[in-house]
Amino acid sequence: MAGVRAFSASLKELRIILCQKGESSKGVRDFLEQFYIPLKQQNPKLPILVRECSGITPKVHARYDYGQENSVDLSGMHKEQVLNTVNTLADAR
């Protein structure tokens, strides 16, 4: 399992969208509970936006230099899988 780490300066923003109670968002909620603070400590200037909406499919969106964006569906993932996905997006530019 990859750990929490500092990201490249080309990553400008992370947006995490999840459902407050939906089973498909459980891993995302667990990820935020365990990894949000260490992630912010490693990346203090990176905006990490968390948006909750009832009944929505959990996703993470990454915005890079020049307005490029990638997103990944996080449905049914465990917290470690969510962390690996975030790390992969951080490197994807």
N, C-alpha and C. Protein backbone atom coordinates (compact mmCIF):
# COMPACT_ATOMS: atom_id res chain seq x y z
N MET A 1 0.84 -1.19 0.00
CA MET A 1 0.00 0.00 0.00
C MET A 1 0.88 1.24 0.00
N ALA A 2 0.58 2.15 -0.87
CA ALA A 2 1.28 3.43 -0.89
C ALA A 2 0.83 4.27 0.29
N GLY A 3 1.69 5.14 0.74
CA GLY A 3 1.34 6.01 1.85
C GLY A 3 1.00 7.40 1.38
N VAL A 4 0.67 8.23 2.35
CA VAL A 4 0.40 9.64 2.07
C VAL A 4 1.73 10.31 1.78
N ARG A 5 1.74 11.15 0.73
CA ARG A 5 2.99 11.79 0.34
C ARG A 5 2.71 13.17 -0.23
N ALA A 6 3.79 13.94 -0.40
CA ALA A 6 3.67 15.25 -1.03
C ALA A 6 3.49 15.06 -2.53
N PHE A 7 2.65 15.90 -3.12
CA PHE A 7 2.36 15.81 -4.54
C PHE A 7 3.12 16.87 -5.32
N SER A 8 3.22 16.66 -6.62
CA SER A 8 3.86 17.59 -7.53
C SER A 8 3.10 18.93 -7.56
N ALA A 9 3.82 20.00 -7.84
CA ALA A 9 3.20 21.32 -7.93
C ALA A 9 2.27 21.44 -9.14
N SER A 10 2.34 20.50 -10.09
CA SER A 10 1.45 20.56 -11.25
C SER A 10 0.01 20.19 -10.88
N LEU A 11 -0.18 19.52 -9.74
CA LEU A 11 -1.53 19.23 -9.25
C LEU A 11 -2.04 20.48 -8.54
N LYS A 12 -3.12 21.04 -9.02
CA LYS A 12 -3.63 22.31 -8.50
C LYS A 12 -4.80 22.16 -7.54
N GLU A 13 -5.55 21.05 -7.65
CA GLU A 13 -6.74 20.91 -6.80
C GLU A 13 -7.22 19.46 -6.82
N LEU A 14 -7.71 19.00 -5.69
CA LEU A 14 -8.41 17.71 -5.60
C LEU A 14 -9.82 17.99 -5.12
N ARG A 15 -10.80 17.39 -5.78
CA ARG A 15 -12.19 17.48 -5.35
C ARG A 15 -12.70 16.07 -5.11
N ILE A 16 -13.19 15.83 -3.92
CA ILE A 16 -13.71 14.52 -3.55
C ILE A 16 -15.21 14.68 -3.33
N ILE A 17 -15.99 13.91 -4.07
CA ILE A 17 -17.44 13.99 -4.00
C ILE A 17 -17.95 12.65 -3.49
N LEU A 18 -18.82 12.70 -2.48
CA LEU A 18 -19.32 11.46 -1.89
C LEU A 18 -20.71 11.63 -1.31
N CYS A 19 -21.33 10.51 -1.01
CA CYS A 19 -22.63 10.48 -0.34
C CYS A 19 -22.39 10.30 1.16
N GLN A 20 -23.16 11.00 1.97
CA GLN A 20 -22.98 10.93 3.42
C GLN A 20 -23.28 9.55 4.00
N LYS A 21 -24.20 8.83 3.39
CA LYS A 21 -24.65 7.56 3.98
C LYS A 21 -24.59 6.37 3.03
N GLY A 22 -24.39 6.59 1.76
CA GLY A 22 -24.41 5.52 0.78
C GLY A 22 -23.31 4.50 0.98
N GLU A 23 -23.64 3.24 0.77
CA GLU A 23 -22.67 2.16 0.94
C GLU A 23 -21.52 2.27 -0.06
N SER A 24 -21.79 2.76 -1.26
CA SER A 24 -20.73 2.88 -2.27
C SER A 24 -19.69 3.94 -1.89
N SER A 25 -20.02 4.82 -0.94
CA SER A 25 -19.09 5.86 -0.50
C SER A 25 -18.38 5.52 0.81
N LYS A 26 -18.62 4.35 1.37
CA LYS A 26 -18.04 4.00 2.67
C LYS A 26 -16.52 4.09 2.66
N GLY A 27 -15.88 3.56 1.64
CA GLY A 27 -14.42 3.61 1.57
C GLY A 27 -13.90 5.04 1.48
N VAL A 28 -14.64 5.91 0.81
CA VAL A 28 -14.24 7.32 0.70
C VAL A 28 -14.37 8.00 2.06
N ARG A 29 -15.45 7.71 2.78
CA ARG A 29 -15.60 8.29 4.14
C ARG A 29 -14.48 7.80 5.05
N ASP A 30 -14.16 6.50 4.97
CA ASP A 30 -13.06 5.95 5.77
C ASP A 30 -11.72 6.57 5.39
N PHE A 31 -11.50 6.78 4.08
CA PHE A 31 -10.29 7.43 3.59
C PHE A 31 -10.15 8.82 4.19
N LEU A 32 -11.24 9.60 4.15
CA LEU A 32 -11.18 10.96 4.68
C LEU A 32 -10.91 10.96 6.18
N GLU A 33 -11.53 10.03 6.88
CA GLU A 33 -11.33 9.94 8.33
C GLU A 33 -9.88 9.62 8.69
N GLN A 34 -9.25 8.74 7.94
CA GLN A 34 -7.90 8.29 8.26
C GLN A 34 -6.80 9.12 7.60
N PHE A 35 -7.03 9.56 6.36
CA PHE A 35 -5.93 10.14 5.58
C PHE A 35 -6.04 11.63 5.28
N TYR A 36 -7.17 12.28 5.56
CA TYR A 36 -7.30 13.69 5.20
C TYR A 36 -6.26 14.56 5.91
N ILE A 37 -6.13 14.43 7.21
CA ILE A 37 -5.19 15.27 7.96
C ILE A 37 -3.75 15.02 7.51
N PRO A 38 -3.27 13.77 7.41
CA PRO A 38 -1.91 13.57 6.90
C PRO A 38 -1.72 14.09 5.49
N LEU A 39 -2.76 13.97 4.65
CA LEU A 39 -2.67 14.47 3.29
C LEU A 39 -2.50 15.99 3.28
N LYS A 40 -3.25 16.69 4.11
CA LYS A 40 -3.11 18.15 4.20
C LYS A 40 -1.77 18.54 4.82
N GLN A 41 -1.28 17.77 5.75
CA GLN A 41 0.03 18.06 6.34
C GLN A 41 1.14 17.93 5.31
N GLN A 42 1.03 16.97 4.42
CA GLN A 42 2.02 16.77 3.37
C GLN A 42 1.86 17.76 2.22
N ASN A 43 0.64 18.30 2.05
CA ASN A 43 0.33 19.19 0.92
C ASN A 43 -0.46 20.41 1.43
N PRO A 44 0.16 21.23 2.26
CA PRO A 44 -0.59 22.31 2.92
C PRO A 44 -1.15 23.37 1.97
N LYS A 45 -0.57 23.55 0.80
CA LYS A 45 -1.05 24.58 -0.13
C LYS A 45 -2.02 24.04 -1.17
N LEU A 46 -2.20 22.73 -1.20
CA LEU A 46 -3.09 22.12 -2.18
C LEU A 46 -4.55 22.19 -1.70
N PRO A 47 -5.43 22.83 -2.48
CA PRO A 47 -6.85 22.81 -2.10
C PRO A 47 -7.42 21.40 -2.25
N ILE A 48 -7.98 20.89 -1.17
CA ILE A 48 -8.66 19.60 -1.20
C ILE A 48 -10.10 19.88 -0.80
N LEU A 49 -10.99 19.81 -1.77
CA LEU A 49 -12.40 20.13 -1.55
C LEU A 49 -13.17 18.84 -1.35
N VAL A 50 -13.98 18.79 -0.32
CA VAL A 50 -14.82 17.63 -0.04
C VAL A 50 -16.27 18.07 -0.15
N ARG A 51 -17.01 17.43 -1.01
CA ARG A 51 -18.41 17.76 -1.24
C ARG A 51 -19.27 16.53 -0.99
N GLU A 52 -20.27 16.71 -0.12
CA GLU A 52 -21.21 15.64 0.18
C GLU A 52 -22.55 15.95 -0.48
N CYS A 53 -23.15 14.93 -1.05
CA CYS A 53 -24.45 15.09 -1.70
C CYS A 53 -25.17 13.74 -1.61
N SER A 54 -26.39 13.77 -1.17
CA SER A 54 -27.16 12.55 -0.99
C SER A 54 -27.37 11.81 -2.31
N GLY A 55 -27.07 10.52 -2.29
CA GLY A 55 -27.33 9.65 -3.43
C GLY A 55 -26.38 9.78 -4.61
N ILE A 56 -25.26 10.44 -4.44
CA ILE A 56 -24.32 10.66 -5.56
C ILE A 56 -23.29 9.54 -5.64
N THR A 57 -22.76 9.32 -6.83
CA THR A 57 -21.68 8.37 -7.05
C THR A 57 -20.38 9.00 -6.57
N PRO A 58 -19.62 8.33 -5.70
CA PRO A 58 -18.37 8.94 -5.21
C PRO A 58 -17.32 9.02 -6.31
N LYS A 59 -16.68 10.18 -6.39
CA LYS A 59 -15.63 10.41 -7.40
C LYS A 59 -14.56 11.30 -6.82
N VAL A 60 -13.40 11.25 -7.44
CA VAL A 60 -12.34 12.22 -7.15
C VAL A 60 -11.97 12.87 -8.47
N HIS A 61 -11.85 14.19 -8.43
CA HIS A 61 -11.45 14.97 -9.59
C HIS A 61 -10.11 15.63 -9.26
N ALA A 62 -9.19 15.58 -10.20
CA ALA A 62 -7.89 16.24 -10.04
C ALA A 62 -7.76 17.28 -11.14
N ARG A 63 -7.38 18.50 -10.74
CA ARG A 63 -7.14 19.57 -11.72
C ARG A 63 -5.65 19.87 -11.73
N TYR A 64 -5.11 20.01 -12.95
CA TYR A 64 -3.68 20.21 -13.14
C TYR A 64 -3.42 21.57 -13.80
N ASP A 65 -2.15 21.81 -14.09
CA ASP A 65 -1.78 23.00 -14.84
C ASP A 65 -2.60 23.09 -16.12
N TYR A 66 -2.83 24.31 -16.57
CA TYR A 66 -3.50 24.58 -17.84
C TYR A 66 -4.92 24.04 -17.90
N GLY A 67 -5.56 23.88 -16.74
CA GLY A 67 -6.96 23.49 -16.68
C GLY A 67 -7.27 22.05 -17.03
N GLN A 68 -6.27 21.21 -17.18
CA GLN A 68 -6.52 19.80 -17.47
C GLN A 68 -7.13 19.14 -16.23
N GLU A 69 -8.07 18.23 -16.46
CA GLU A 69 -8.72 17.53 -15.36
C GLU A 69 -8.85 16.04 -15.66
N ASN A 70 -8.78 15.25 -14.60
CA ASN A 70 -9.05 13.81 -14.65
C ASN A 70 -10.00 13.49 -13.50
N SER A 71 -10.84 12.49 -13.70
CA SER A 71 -11.70 12.05 -12.60
C SER A 71 -11.79 10.53 -12.61
N VAL A 72 -12.03 9.98 -11.43
CA VAL A 72 -12.13 8.53 -11.27
C VAL A 72 -13.32 8.23 -10.36
N ASP A 73 -14.10 7.26 -10.75
CA ASP A 73 -15.22 6.76 -9.94
C ASP A 73 -14.64 5.96 -8.78
N LEU A 74 -15.08 6.26 -7.56
CA LEU A 74 -14.57 5.58 -6.36
C LEU A 74 -15.57 4.59 -5.77
N SER A 75 -16.63 4.27 -6.48
CA SER A 75 -17.69 3.40 -5.97
C SER A 75 -17.14 2.07 -5.48
N GLY A 76 -17.48 1.72 -4.26
CA GLY A 76 -17.14 0.42 -3.70
C GLY A 76 -15.68 0.22 -3.33
N MET A 77 -14.84 1.24 -3.46
CA MET A 77 -13.42 1.09 -3.12
C MET A 77 -13.21 1.14 -1.61
N HIS A 78 -12.18 0.43 -1.15
CA HIS A 78 -11.76 0.52 0.25
C HIS A 78 -10.86 1.73 0.40
N LYS A 79 -10.63 2.16 1.63
CA LYS A 79 -9.85 3.39 1.86
C LYS A 79 -8.45 3.32 1.26
N GLU A 80 -7.82 2.14 1.27
CA GLU A 80 -6.48 2.01 0.69
C GLU A 80 -6.53 2.16 -0.82
N GLN A 81 -7.60 1.64 -1.43
CA GLN A 81 -7.77 1.78 -2.87
C GLN A 81 -8.00 3.24 -3.24
N VAL A 82 -8.75 3.96 -2.40
CA VAL A 82 -8.97 5.39 -2.64
C VAL A 82 -7.64 6.13 -2.55
N LEU A 83 -6.82 5.81 -1.54
CA LEU A 83 -5.51 6.45 -1.41
C LEU A 83 -4.64 6.17 -2.62
N ASN A 84 -4.61 4.94 -3.10
CA ASN A 84 -3.83 4.59 -4.29
C ASN A 84 -4.34 5.35 -5.52
N THR A 85 -5.65 5.49 -5.62
CA THR A 85 -6.24 6.23 -6.74
C THR A 85 -5.84 7.70 -6.69
N VAL A 86 -5.89 8.30 -5.50
CA VAL A 86 -5.49 9.70 -5.35
C VAL A 86 -4.01 9.86 -5.71
N ASN A 87 -3.18 8.95 -5.24
CA ASN A 87 -1.73 9.01 -5.58
C ASN A 87 -1.52 8.87 -7.09
N THR A 88 -2.27 7.97 -7.72
CA THR A 88 -2.16 7.79 -9.17
C THR A 88 -2.58 9.05 -9.92
N LEU A 89 -3.69 9.67 -9.48
CA LEU A 89 -4.13 10.91 -10.11
C LEU A 89 -3.10 12.02 -9.92
N ALA A 90 -2.46 12.05 -8.78
CA ALA A 90 -1.47 13.08 -8.51
C ALA A 90 -0.28 12.96 -9.48
N ASP A 91 -0.01 11.75 -9.93
CA ASP A 91 1.10 11.49 -10.86
C ASP A 91 0.66 11.53 -12.33
N ALA A 92 -0.63 11.61 -12.58
CA ALA A 92 -1.17 11.41 -13.93
C ALA A 92 -0.88 12.51 -14.92
N ARG A 93 -0.58 13.67 -14.50
CA ARG A 93 -0.39 14.83 -15.39
C ARG A 93 0.41 14.41 -16.57
